Amino acid sequence: MNNDKLSVLEKEMDSIIKNIIVQLRTEKSISNSMIDQLINQLDEFKAIIKDQDHISRTFAGKLFYLFSTMVFEAKYMQYDQDIMDVISQLRVCVLKVFDEQQFQI
């Protein structure tokens, strides 16, 4: 059950991640609704993987790619406060996924 749910969540988040990256690169903006949707799904993902030692390398790579792309693209947006706030919000969320013990909030 959990593996099926994880697989579905990963596929849904993959689509959101791709959309965020495309919008960021082409329009130099980020949809708040897409970010909110991603963060909500990451919270659900985190709850399912609680106490597990491993997550998919592919999925971890996608999260890292999204975060690093956002940081890179922020420079072309003159480090606009809105993009920096989103980057900070996503950073906290991703850190909680990667290490639930250290980043309990």
PDB file of N, CA and C in Angstrom:
ATOM      1  N   MET A   1       0.817  -1.198   0.000  1.00  0.00           N
ATOM      2  CA  MET A   1       0.000   0.000   0.000  1.00  0.00           C
ATOM      3  C   MET A   1       0.861   1.262   0.000  1.00  0.00           C
ATOM      4  N   ASN A   2       1.781   1.363   0.960  1.00  0.00           N
ATOM      5  CA  ASN A   2       2.612   2.553   1.032  1.00  0.00           C
ATOM      6  C   ASN A   2       3.484   2.730  -0.200  1.00  0.00           C
ATOM      7  N   ASN A   3       4.023   1.620  -0.730  1.00  0.00           N
ATOM      8  CA  ASN A   3       4.832   1.716  -1.938  1.00  0.00           C
ATOM      9  C   ASN A   3       4.014   2.205  -3.116  1.00  0.00           C
ATOM     10  N   ASP A   4       2.760   1.753  -3.217  1.00  0.00           N
ATOM     11  CA  ASP A   4       1.881   2.227  -4.280  1.00  0.00           C
ATOM     12  C   ASP A   4       1.610   3.716  -4.123  1.00  0.00           C
ATOM     13  N   LYS A   5       1.325   4.141  -2.902  1.00  0.00           N
ATOM     14  CA  LYS A   5       1.046   5.555  -2.637  1.00  0.00           C
ATOM     15  C   LYS A   5       2.286   6.402  -2.905  1.00  0.00           C
ATOM     16  N   LEU A   6       3.464   5.903  -2.512  1.00  0.00           N
ATOM     17  CA  LEU A   6       4.706   6.628  -2.785  1.00  0.00           C
ATOM     18  C   LEU A   6       4.924   6.782  -4.280  1.00  0.00           C
ATOM     19  N   SER A   7       4.683   5.726  -5.006  1.00  0.00           N
ATOM     20  CA  SER A   7       4.860   5.757  -6.455  1.00  0.00           C
ATOM     21  C   SER A   7       3.937   6.792  -7.101  1.00  0.00           C
ATOM     22  N   VAL A   8       2.696   6.816  -6.665  1.00  0.00           N
ATOM     23  CA  VAL A   8       1.733   7.785  -7.195  1.00  0.00           C
ATOM     24  C   VAL A   8       2.175   9.207  -6.836  1.00  0.00           C
ATOM     25  N   LEU A   9       2.556   9.428  -5.586  1.00  0.00           N
ATOM     26  CA  LEU A   9       3.003  10.752  -5.160  1.00  0.00           C
ATOM     27  C   LEU A   9       4.230  11.206  -5.938  1.00  0.00           C
ATOM     28  N   GLU A  10       5.190  10.306  -6.122  1.00  0.00           N
ATOM     29  CA  GLU A  10       6.400  10.658  -6.862  1.00  0.00           C
ATOM     30  C   GLU A  10       6.061  11.064  -8.291  1.00  0.00           C
ATOM     31  N   LYS A  11       5.150  10.343  -8.938  1.00  0.00           N
ATOM     32  CA  LYS A  11       4.749  10.688 -10.305  1.00  0.00           C
ATOM     33  C   LYS A  11       4.049  12.035 -10.347  1.00  0.00           C
ATOM     34  N   GLU A  12       3.177  12.288  -9.387  1.00  0.00           N
ATOM     35  CA  GLU A  12       2.473  13.575  -9.334  1.00  0.00           C
ATOM     36  C   GLU A  12       3.462  14.714  -9.094  1.00  0.00           C
ATOM     37  N   MET A  13       4.383  14.506  -8.169  1.00  0.00           N
ATOM     38  CA  MET A  13       5.367  15.547  -7.870  1.00  0.00           C
ATOM     39  C   MET A  13       6.332  15.750  -9.029  1.00  0.00           C
ATOM     40  N   ASP A  14       6.659  14.677  -9.748  1.00  0.00           N
ATOM     41  CA  ASP A  14       7.518  14.795 -10.924  1.00  0.00           C
ATOM     42  C   ASP A  14       6.897  15.753 -11.933  1.00  0.00           C
ATOM     43  N   SER A  15       5.620  15.620 -12.163  1.00  0.00           N
ATOM     44  CA  SER A  15       4.919  16.499 -13.091  1.00  0.00           C
ATOM     45  C   SER A  15       4.943  17.954 -12.603  1.00  0.00           C
ATOM     46  N   ILE A  16       4.706  18.142 -11.323  1.00  0.00           N
ATOM     47  CA  ILE A  16       4.724  19.496 -10.753  1.00  0.00           C
ATOM     48  C   ILE A  16       6.120  20.096 -10.859  1.00  0.00           C
ATOM     49  N   ILE A  17       7.130  19.307 -10.530  1.00  0.00           N
ATOM     50  CA  ILE A  17       8.519  19.776 -10.598  1.00  0.00           C
ATOM     51  C   ILE A  17       8.855  20.213 -12.015  1.00  0.00           C
ATOM     52  N   LYS A  18       8.486  19.403 -13.001  1.00  0.00           N
ATOM     53  CA  LYS A  18       8.755  19.771 -14.399  1.00  0.00           C
ATOM     54  C   LYS A  18       8.057  21.069 -14.767  1.00  0.00           C
ATOM     55  N   ASN A  19       6.806  21.223 -14.357  1.00  0.00           N
ATOM     56  CA  ASN A  19       6.061  22.449 -14.661  1.00  0.00           C
ATOM     57  C   ASN A  19       6.698  23.672 -14.005  1.00  0.00           C
ATOM     58  N   ILE A  20       7.136  23.523 -12.770  1.00  0.00           N
ATOM     59  CA  ILE A  20       7.781  24.636 -12.068  1.00  0.00           C
ATOM     60  C   ILE A  20       9.057  25.040 -12.796  1.00  0.00           C
ATOM     61  N   ILE A  21       9.863  24.057 -13.184  1.00  0.00           N
ATOM     62  CA  ILE A  21      11.125  24.346 -13.855  1.00  0.00           C
ATOM     63  C   ILE A  21      10.892  25.019 -15.204  1.00  0.00           C
ATOM     64  N   VAL A  22       9.938  24.521 -15.972  1.00  0.00           N
ATOM     65  CA  VAL A  22       9.642  25.131 -17.272  1.00  0.00           C
ATOM     66  C   VAL A  22       9.183  26.574 -17.094  1.00  0.00           C
ATOM     67  N   GLN A  23       8.265  26.800 -16.166  1.00  0.00           N
ATOM     68  CA  GLN A  23       7.767  28.153 -15.934  1.00  0.00           C
ATOM     69  C   GLN A  23       8.890  29.069 -15.452  1.00  0.00           C
ATOM     70  N   LEU A  24       9.709  28.560 -14.571  1.00  0.00           N
ATOM     71  CA  LEU A  24      10.810  29.357 -14.027  1.00  0.00           C
ATOM     72  C   LEU A  24      11.788  29.756 -15.129  1.00  0.00           C
ATOM     73  N   ARG A  25      12.127  28.821 -15.990  1.00  0.00           N
ATOM     74  CA  ARG A  25      13.099  29.103 -17.045  1.00  0.00           C
ATOM     75  C   ARG A  25      12.530  29.977 -18.158  1.00  0.00           C
ATOM     76  N   THR A  26      11.283  29.776 -18.507  1.00  0.00           N
ATOM     77  CA  THR A  26      10.723  30.509 -19.649  1.00  0.00           C
ATOM     78  C   THR A  26      10.089  31.842 -19.253  1.00  0.00           C
ATOM     79  N   GLU A  27       9.446  31.871 -18.088  1.00  0.00           N
ATOM     80  CA  GLU A  27       8.713  33.078 -17.679  1.00  0.00           C
ATOM     81  C   GLU A  27       9.386  33.820 -16.528  1.00  0.00           C
ATOM     82  N   LYS A  28      10.408  33.205 -15.951  1.00  0.00           N
ATOM     83  CA  LYS A  28      11.097  33.776 -14.786  1.00  0.00           C
ATOM     84  C   LYS A  28      10.108  34.083 -13.662  1.00  0.00           C
ATOM     85  N   SER A  29       9.206  33.151 -13.450  1.00  0.00           N
ATOM     86  CA  SER A  29       8.240  33.266 -12.358  1.00  0.00           C
ATOM     87  C   SER A  29       7.898  31.869 -11.860  1.00  0.00           C
ATOM     88  N   ILE A  30       7.243  31.840 -10.711  1.00  0.00           N
ATOM     89  CA  ILE A  30       6.824  30.569 -10.124  1.00  0.00           C
ATOM     90  C   ILE A  30       5.381  30.696  -9.685  1.00  0.00           C
ATOM     91  N   SER A  31       4.596  29.720 -10.028  1.00  0.00           N
ATOM     92  CA  SER A  31       3.199  29.678  -9.611  1.00  0.00           C
ATOM     93  C   SER A  31       3.127  29.287  -8.138  1.00  0.00           C
ATOM     94  N   ASN A  32       2.559  30.163  -7.338  1.00  0.00           N
ATOM     95  CA  ASN A  32       2.406  29.857  -5.909  1.00  0.00           C
ATOM     96  C   ASN A  32       1.544  28.619  -5.704  1.00  0.00           C
ATOM     97  N   SER A  33       0.553  28.421  -6.558  1.00  0.00           N
ATOM     98  CA  SER A  33      -0.315  27.249  -6.394  1.00  0.00           C
ATOM     99  C   SER A  33       0.468  25.957  -6.649  1.00  0.00           C
ATOM    100  N   MET A  34       1.389  25.981  -7.616  1.00  0.00           N
ATOM    101  CA  MET A  34       2.199  24.782  -7.868  1.00  0.00           C
ATOM    102  C   MET A  34       3.147  24.508  -6.705  1.00  0.00           C
ATOM    103  N   ILE A  35       3.737  25.560  -6.161  1.00  0.00           N
ATOM    104  CA  ILE A  35       4.633  25.399  -5.008  1.00  0.00           C
ATOM    105  C   ILE A  35       3.849  24.869  -3.814  1.00  0.00           C
ATOM    106  N   ASP A  36       2.673  25.444  -3.572  1.00  0.00           N
ATOM    107  CA  ASP A  36       1.843  24.969  -2.462  1.00  0.00           C
ATOM    108  C   ASP A  36       1.463  23.502  -2.644  1.00  0.00           C
ATOM    109  N   GLN A  37       1.109  23.142  -3.868  1.00  0.00           N
ATOM    110  CA  GLN A  37       0.738  21.761  -4.156  1.00  0.00           C
ATOM    111  C   GLN A  37       1.933  20.831  -3.926  1.00  0.00           C
ATOM    112  N   LEU A  38       3.115  21.248  -4.382  1.00  0.00           N
ATOM    113  CA  LEU A  38       4.312  20.435  -4.181  1.00  0.00           C
ATOM    114  C   LEU A  38       4.619  20.276  -2.698  1.00  0.00           C
ATOM    115  N   ILE A  39       4.558  21.342  -1.954  1.00  0.00           N
ATOM    116  CA  ILE A  39       4.860  21.275  -0.520  1.00  0.00           C
ATOM    117  C   ILE A  39       3.848  20.402   0.211  1.00  0.00           C
ATOM    118  N   ASN A  40       2.581  20.511  -0.136  1.00  0.00           N
ATOM    119  CA  ASN A  40       1.573  19.638   0.474  1.00  0.00           C
ATOM    120  C   ASN A  40       1.851  18.175   0.174  1.00  0.00           C
ATOM    121  N   GLN A  41       2.231  17.886  -1.060  1.00  0.00           N
ATOM    122  CA  GLN A  41       2.532  16.499  -1.413  1.00  0.00           C
ATOM    123  C   GLN A  41       3.824  16.031  -0.758  1.00  0.00           C
ATOM    124  N   LEU A  42       4.799  16.925  -0.602  1.00  0.00           N
ATOM    125  CA  LEU A  42       6.020  16.550   0.111  1.00  0.00           C
ATOM    126  C   LEU A  42       5.718  16.251   1.580  1.00  0.00           C
ATOM    127  N   ASP A  43       4.796  16.993   2.173  1.00  0.00           N
ATOM    128  CA  ASP A  43       4.391  16.696   3.556  1.00  0.00           C
ATOM    129  C   ASP A  43       3.746  15.317   3.643  1.00  0.00           C
ATOM    130  N   GLU A  44       2.912  14.994   2.671  1.00  0.00           N
ATOM    131  CA  GLU A  44       2.285  13.670   2.635  1.00  0.00           C
ATOM    132  C   GLU A  44       3.342  12.587   2.424  1.00  0.00           C
ATOM    133  N   PHE A  45       4.272  12.847   1.524  1.00  0.00           N
ATOM    134  CA  PHE A  45       5.375  11.930   1.238  1.00  0.00           C
ATOM    135  C   PHE A  45       6.189  11.687   2.512  1.00  0.00           C
ATOM    136  N   LYS A  46       6.498  12.773   3.206  1.00  0.00           N
ATOM    137  CA  LYS A  46       7.287  12.680   4.438  1.00  0.00           C
ATOM    138  C   LYS A  46       6.584  11.815   5.483  1.00  0.00           C
ATOM    139  N   ALA A  47       5.284  11.957   5.593  1.00  0.00           N
ATOM    140  CA  ALA A  47       4.521  11.158   6.564  1.00  0.00           C
ATOM    141  C   ALA A  47       4.571   9.672   6.219  1.00  0.00           C
ATOM    142  N   ILE A  48       4.534   9.355   4.937  1.00  0.00           N
ATOM    143  CA  ILE A  48       4.556   7.953   4.515  1.00  0.00           C
ATOM    144  C   ILE A  48       5.930   7.330   4.739  1.00  0.00           C
ATOM    145  N   ILE A  49       6.997   8.112   4.510  1.00  0.00           N
ATOM    146  CA  ILE A  49       8.345   7.538   4.630  1.00  0.00           C
ATOM    147  C   ILE A  49       8.912   7.654   6.048  1.00  0.00           C
ATOM    148  N   LYS A  50       8.108   8.147   6.954  1.00  0.00           N
ATOM    149  CA  LYS A  50       8.572   8.311   8.339  1.00  0.00           C
ATOM    150  C   LYS A  50       9.230   7.019   8.824  1.00  0.00           C
ATOM    151  N   ASP A  51      10.384   7.181   9.427  1.00  0.00           N
ATOM    152  CA  ASP A  51      11.169   6.076   9.998  1.00  0.00           C
ATOM    153  C   ASP A  51      11.788   5.148   8.960  1.00  0.00           C
ATOM    154  N   GLN A  52      11.695   5.477   7.691  1.00  0.00           N
ATOM    155  CA  GLN A  52      12.393   4.686   6.673  1.00  0.00           C
ATOM    156  C   GLN A  52      13.799   5.244   6.492  1.00  0.00           C
ATOM    157  N   ASP A  53      14.724   4.376   6.116  1.00  0.00           N
ATOM    158  CA  ASP A  53      16.113   4.794   5.946  1.00  0.00           C
ATOM    159  C   ASP A  53      16.441   5.250   4.533  1.00  0.00           C
ATOM    160  N   HIS A  54      15.600   4.896   3.561  1.00  0.00           N
ATOM    161  CA  HIS A  54      15.929   5.176   2.163  1.00  0.00           C
ATOM    162  C   HIS A  54      14.752   5.781   1.414  1.00  0.00           C
ATOM    163  N   ILE A  55      15.098   6.636   0.459  1.00  0.00           N
ATOM    164  CA  ILE A  55      14.122   7.092  -0.522  1.00  0.00           C
ATOM    165  C   ILE A  55      14.741   6.877  -1.897  1.00  0.00           C
ATOM    166  N   SER A  56      13.928   6.958  -2.904  1.00  0.00           N
ATOM    167  CA  SER A  56      14.387   6.755  -4.270  1.00  0.00           C
ATOM    168  C   SER A  56      15.470   7.770  -4.641  1.00  0.00           C
ATOM    169  N   ARG A  57      16.573   7.280  -5.190  1.00  0.00           N
ATOM    170  CA  ARG A  57      17.631   8.174  -5.652  1.00  0.00           C
ATOM    171  C   ARG A  57      17.130   9.083  -6.756  1.00  0.00           C
ATOM    172  N   THR A  58      16.300   8.536  -7.624  1.00  0.00           N
ATOM    173  CA  THR A  58      15.750   9.326  -8.721  1.00  0.00           C
ATOM    174  C   THR A  58      14.920  10.480  -8.183  1.00  0.00           C
ATOM    175  N   PHE A  59      14.068  10.183  -7.206  1.00  0.00           N
ATOM    176  CA  PHE A  59      13.234  11.229  -6.637  1.00  0.00           C
ATOM    177  C   PHE A  59      14.086  12.257  -5.884  1.00  0.00           C
ATOM    178  N   ALA A  60      15.050  11.799  -5.118  1.00  0.00           N
ATOM    179  CA  ALA A  60      15.947  12.719  -4.404  1.00  0.00           C
ATOM    180  C   ALA A  60      16.669  13.620  -5.403  1.00  0.00           C
ATOM    181  N   GLY A  61      17.080  13.043  -6.512  1.00  0.00           N
ATOM    182  CA  GLY A  61      17.743  13.826  -7.554  1.00  0.00           C
ATOM    183  C   GLY A  61      16.841  14.893  -8.144  1.00  0.00           C
ATOM    184  N   LYS A  62      15.575  14.571  -8.319  1.00  0.00           N
ATOM    185  CA  LYS A  62      14.620  15.547  -8.852  1.00  0.00           C
ATOM    186  C   LYS A  62      14.422  16.707  -7.884  1.00  0.00           C
ATOM    187  N   LEU A  63      14.342  16.408  -6.601  1.00  0.00           N
ATOM    188  CA  LEU A  63      14.210  17.474  -5.606  1.00  0.00           C
ATOM    189  C   LEU A  63      15.451  18.356  -5.589  1.00  0.00           C
ATOM    190  N   PHE A  64      16.617  17.724  -5.649  1.00  0.00           N
ATOM    191  CA  PHE A  64      17.861  18.489  -5.679  1.00  0.00           C
ATOM    192  C   PHE A  64      17.937  19.344  -6.941  1.00  0.00           C
ATOM    193  N   TYR A  65      17.556  18.768  -8.077  1.00  0.00           N
ATOM    194  CA  TYR A  65      17.592  19.506  -9.340  1.00  0.00           C
ATOM    195  C   TYR A  65      16.653  20.710  -9.293  1.00  0.00           C
ATOM    196  N   LEU A  66      15.461  20.517  -8.759  1.00  0.00           N
ATOM    197  CA  LEU A  66      14.517  21.626  -8.638  1.00  0.00           C
ATOM    198  C   LEU A  66      15.115  22.728  -7.770  1.00  0.00           C
ATOM    199  N   PHE A  67      15.602  22.361  -6.608  1.00  0.00           N
ATOM    200  CA  PHE A  67      16.139  23.362  -5.691  1.00  0.00           C
ATOM    201  C   PHE A  67      17.322  24.099  -6.312  1.00  0.00           C
ATOM    202  N   SER A  68      18.254  23.361  -6.897  1.00  0.00           N
ATOM    203  CA  SER A  68      19.435  24.009  -7.474  1.00  0.00           C
ATOM    204  C   SER A  68      19.064  24.871  -8.680  1.00  0.00           C
ATOM    205  N   THR A  69      18.080  24.450  -9.464  1.00  0.00           N
ATOM    206  CA  THR A  69      17.622  25.257 -10.590  1.00  0.00           C
ATOM    207  C   THR A  69      16.986  26.554 -10.095  1.00  0.00           C
ATOM    208  N   MET A  70      16.212  26.461  -9.028  1.00  0.00           N
ATOM    209  CA  MET A  70      15.593  27.665  -8.476  1.00  0.00           C
ATOM    210  C   MET A  70      16.662  28.647  -7.993  1.00  0.00           C
ATOM    211  N   VAL A  71      17.680  28.149  -7.340  1.00  0.00           N
ATOM    212  CA  VAL A  71      18.763  29.014  -6.865  1.00  0.00           C
ATOM    213  C   VAL A  71      19.478  29.645  -8.061  1.00  0.00           C
ATOM    214  N   PHE A  72      19.755  28.843  -9.073  1.00  0.00           N
ATOM    215  CA  PHE A  72      20.438  29.348 -10.269  1.00  0.00           C
ATOM    216  C   PHE A  72      19.598  30.408 -10.976  1.00  0.00           C
ATOM    217  N   GLU A  73      18.322  30.135 -11.167  1.00  0.00           N
ATOM    218  CA  GLU A  73      17.437  31.061 -11.877  1.00  0.00           C
ATOM    219  C   GLU A  73      17.163  32.331 -11.073  1.00  0.00           C
ATOM    220  N   ALA A  74      17.291  32.276  -9.766  1.00  0.00           N
ATOM    221  CA  ALA A  74      17.053  33.456  -8.927  1.00  0.00           C
ATOM    222  C   ALA A  74      17.976  34.598  -9.330  1.00  0.00           C
ATOM    223  N   LYS A  75      19.153  34.256  -9.781  1.00  0.00           N
ATOM    224  CA  LYS A  75      20.105  35.281 -10.192  1.00  0.00           C
ATOM    225  C   LYS A  75      19.555  36.081 -11.371  1.00  0.00           C
ATOM    226  N   TYR A  76      18.839  35.414 -12.276  1.00  0.00           N
ATOM    227  CA  TYR A  76      18.259  36.095 -13.431  1.00  0.00           C
ATOM    228  C   TYR A  76      17.005  36.882 -13.070  1.00  0.00           C
ATOM    229  N   MET A  77      16.556  36.698 -11.852  1.00  0.00           N
ATOM    230  CA  MET A  77      15.389  37.442 -11.353  1.00  0.00           C
ATOM    231  C   MET A  77      15.852  38.485 -10.331  1.00  0.00           C
ATOM    232  N   GLN A  78      17.148  38.797 -10.364  1.00  0.00           N
ATOM    233  CA  GLN A  78      17.759  39.769  -9.457  1.00  0.00           C
ATOM    234  C   GLN A  78      17.462  39.441  -7.990  1.00  0.00           C
ATOM    235  N   TYR A  79      17.429  38.157  -7.703  1.00  0.00           N
ATOM    236  CA  TYR A  79      17.201  37.672  -6.338  1.00  0.00           C
ATOM    237  C   TYR A  79      15.967  38.330  -5.703  1.00  0.00           C
ATOM    238  N   ASP A  80      14.919  38.394  -6.512  1.00  0.00           N
ATOM    239  CA  ASP A  80      13.634  38.937  -6.071  1.00  0.00           C
ATOM    240  C   ASP A  80      13.213  38.268  -4.760  1.00  0.00           C
ATOM    241  N   GLN A  81      12.676  39.060  -3.859  1.00  0.00           N
ATOM    242  CA  GLN A  81      12.308  38.546  -2.536  1.00  0.00           C
ATOM    243  C   GLN A  81      11.302  37.404  -2.617  1.00  0.00           C
ATOM    244  N   ASP A  82      10.363  37.476  -3.568  1.00  0.00           N
ATOM    245  CA  ASP A  82       9.371  36.406  -3.703  1.00  0.00           C
ATOM    246  C   ASP A  82      10.019  35.069  -4.033  1.00  0.00           C
ATOM    247  N   ILE A  83      10.960  35.062  -4.989  1.00  0.00           N
ATOM    248  CA  ILE A  83      11.630  33.804  -5.355  1.00  0.00           C
ATOM    249  C   ILE A  83      12.504  33.324  -4.201  1.00  0.00           C
ATOM    250  N   MET A  84      13.137  34.234  -3.495  1.00  0.00           N
ATOM    251  CA  MET A  84      13.983  33.833  -2.378  1.00  0.00           C
ATOM    252  C   MET A  84      13.148  33.244  -1.242  1.00  0.00           C
ATOM    253  N   ASP A  85      11.952  33.785  -1.037  1.00  0.00           N
ATOM    254  CA  ASP A  85      11.056  33.223  -0.017  1.00  0.00           C
ATOM    255  C   ASP A  85      10.622  31.804  -0.387  1.00  0.00           C
ATOM    256  N   VAL A  86      10.325  31.591  -1.662  1.00  0.00           N
ATOM    257  CA  VAL A  86       9.931  30.258  -2.128  1.00  0.00           C
ATOM    258  C   VAL A  86      11.097  29.292  -1.991  1.00  0.00           C
ATOM    259  N   ILE A  87      12.288  29.736  -2.355  1.00  0.00           N
ATOM    260  CA  ILE A  87      13.482  28.888  -2.227  1.00  0.00           C
ATOM    261  C   ILE A  87      13.695  28.495  -0.770  1.00  0.00           C
ATOM    262  N   SER A  88      13.553  29.446   0.122  1.00  0.00           N
ATOM    263  CA  SER A  88      13.724  29.166   1.543  1.00  0.00           C
ATOM    264  C   SER A  88      12.674  28.178   2.045  1.00  0.00           C
ATOM    265  N   GLN A  89      11.432  28.379   1.632  1.00  0.00           N
ATOM    266  CA  GLN A  89      10.343  27.488   2.032  1.00  0.00           C
ATOM    267  C   GLN A  89      10.589  26.071   1.512  1.00  0.00           C
ATOM    268  N   LEU A  90      10.998  25.969   0.253  1.00  0.00           N
ATOM    269  CA  LEU A  90      11.268  24.651  -0.327  1.00  0.00           C
ATOM    270  C   LEU A  90      12.473  23.997   0.347  1.00  0.00           C
ATOM    271  N   ARG A  91      13.486  24.774   0.660  1.00  0.00           N
ATOM    272  CA  ARG A  91      14.680  24.237   1.325  1.00  0.00           C
ATOM    273  C   ARG A  91      14.314  23.557   2.638  1.00  0.00           C
ATOM    274  N   VAL A  92      13.519  24.230   3.444  1.00  0.00           N
ATOM    275  CA  VAL A  92      13.111  23.663   4.734  1.00  0.00           C
ATOM    276  C   VAL A  92      12.335  22.365   4.518  1.00  0.00           C
ATOM    277  N   CYS A  93      11.428  22.383   3.563  1.00  0.00           N
ATOM    278  CA  CYS A  93      10.606  21.205   3.287  1.00  0.00           C
ATOM    279  C   CYS A  93      11.469  20.028   2.814  1.00  0.00           C
ATOM    280  N   VAL A  94      12.408  20.296   1.912  1.00  0.00           N
ATOM    281  CA  VAL A  94      13.267  19.234   1.383  1.00  0.00           C
ATOM    282  C   VAL A  94      14.183  18.691   2.478  1.00  0.00           C
ATOM    283  N   LEU A  95      14.718  19.555   3.308  1.00  0.00           N
ATOM    284  CA  LEU A  95      15.562  19.088   4.410  1.00  0.00           C
ATOM    285  C   LEU A  95      14.798  18.161   5.348  1.00  0.00           C
ATOM    286  N   LYS A  96      13.532  18.466   5.580  1.00  0.00           N
ATOM    287  CA  LYS A  96      12.705  17.594   6.432  1.00  0.00           C
ATOM    288  C   LYS A  96      12.483  16.232   5.783  1.00  0.00           C
ATOM    289  N   VAL A  97      12.389  16.193   4.461  1.00  0.00           N
ATOM    290  CA  VAL A  97      12.241  14.916   3.757  1.00  0.00           C
ATOM    291  C   VAL A  97      13.534  14.114   3.866  1.00  0.00           C
ATOM    292  N   PHE A  98      14.667  14.782   3.691  1.00  0.00           N
ATOM    293  CA  PHE A  98      15.949  14.088   3.690  1.00  0.00           C
ATOM    294  C   PHE A  98      16.410  13.648   5.070  1.00  0.00           C
ATOM    295  N   ASP A  99      16.071  14.396   6.109  1.00  0.00           N
ATOM    296  CA  ASP A  99      16.541  14.041   7.454  1.00  0.00           C
ATOM    297  C   ASP A  99      15.497  14.427   8.490  1.00  0.00           C
ATOM    298  N   GLU A 100      14.587  13.504   8.763  1.00  0.00           N
ATOM    299  CA  GLU A 100      13.469  13.798   9.660  1.00  0.00           C
ATOM    300  C   GLU A 100      13.913  13.996  11.108  1.00  0.00           C
ATOM    301  N   GLN A 101      15.042  13.427  11.497  1.00  0.00           N
ATOM    302  CA  GLN A 101      15.498  13.551  12.884  1.00  0.00           C
ATOM    303  C   GLN A 101      16.051  14.934  13.179  1.00  0.00           C
ATOM    304  N   GLN A 102      16.854  15.433  12.280  1.00  0.00           N
ATOM    305  CA  GLN A 102      17.521  16.709  12.518  1.00  0.00           C
ATOM    306  C   GLN A 102      16.602  17.910  12.300  1.00  0.00           C
ATOM    307  N   PHE A 103      15.644  17.760  11.412  1.00  0.00           N
ATOM    308  CA  PHE A 103      14.808  18.905  11.036  1.00  0.00           C
ATOM    309  C   PHE A 103      13.365  18.711  11.468  1.00  0.00           C
ATOM    310  N   GLN A 104      13.172  18.357  12.714  1.00  0.00           N
ATOM    311  CA  GLN A 104      11.807  18.206  13.244  1.00  0.00           C
ATOM    312  C   GLN A 104      11.285  19.580  13.620  1.00  0.00           C
ATOM    313  N   ILE A 105      10.201  19.929  12.969  1.00  0.00           N
ATOM    314  CA  ILE A 105       9.557  21.218  13.279  1.00  0.00           C
ATOM    315  C   ILE A 105       8.078  20.985  13.311  1.00  0.00           C
TER     316      ILE A 105
END
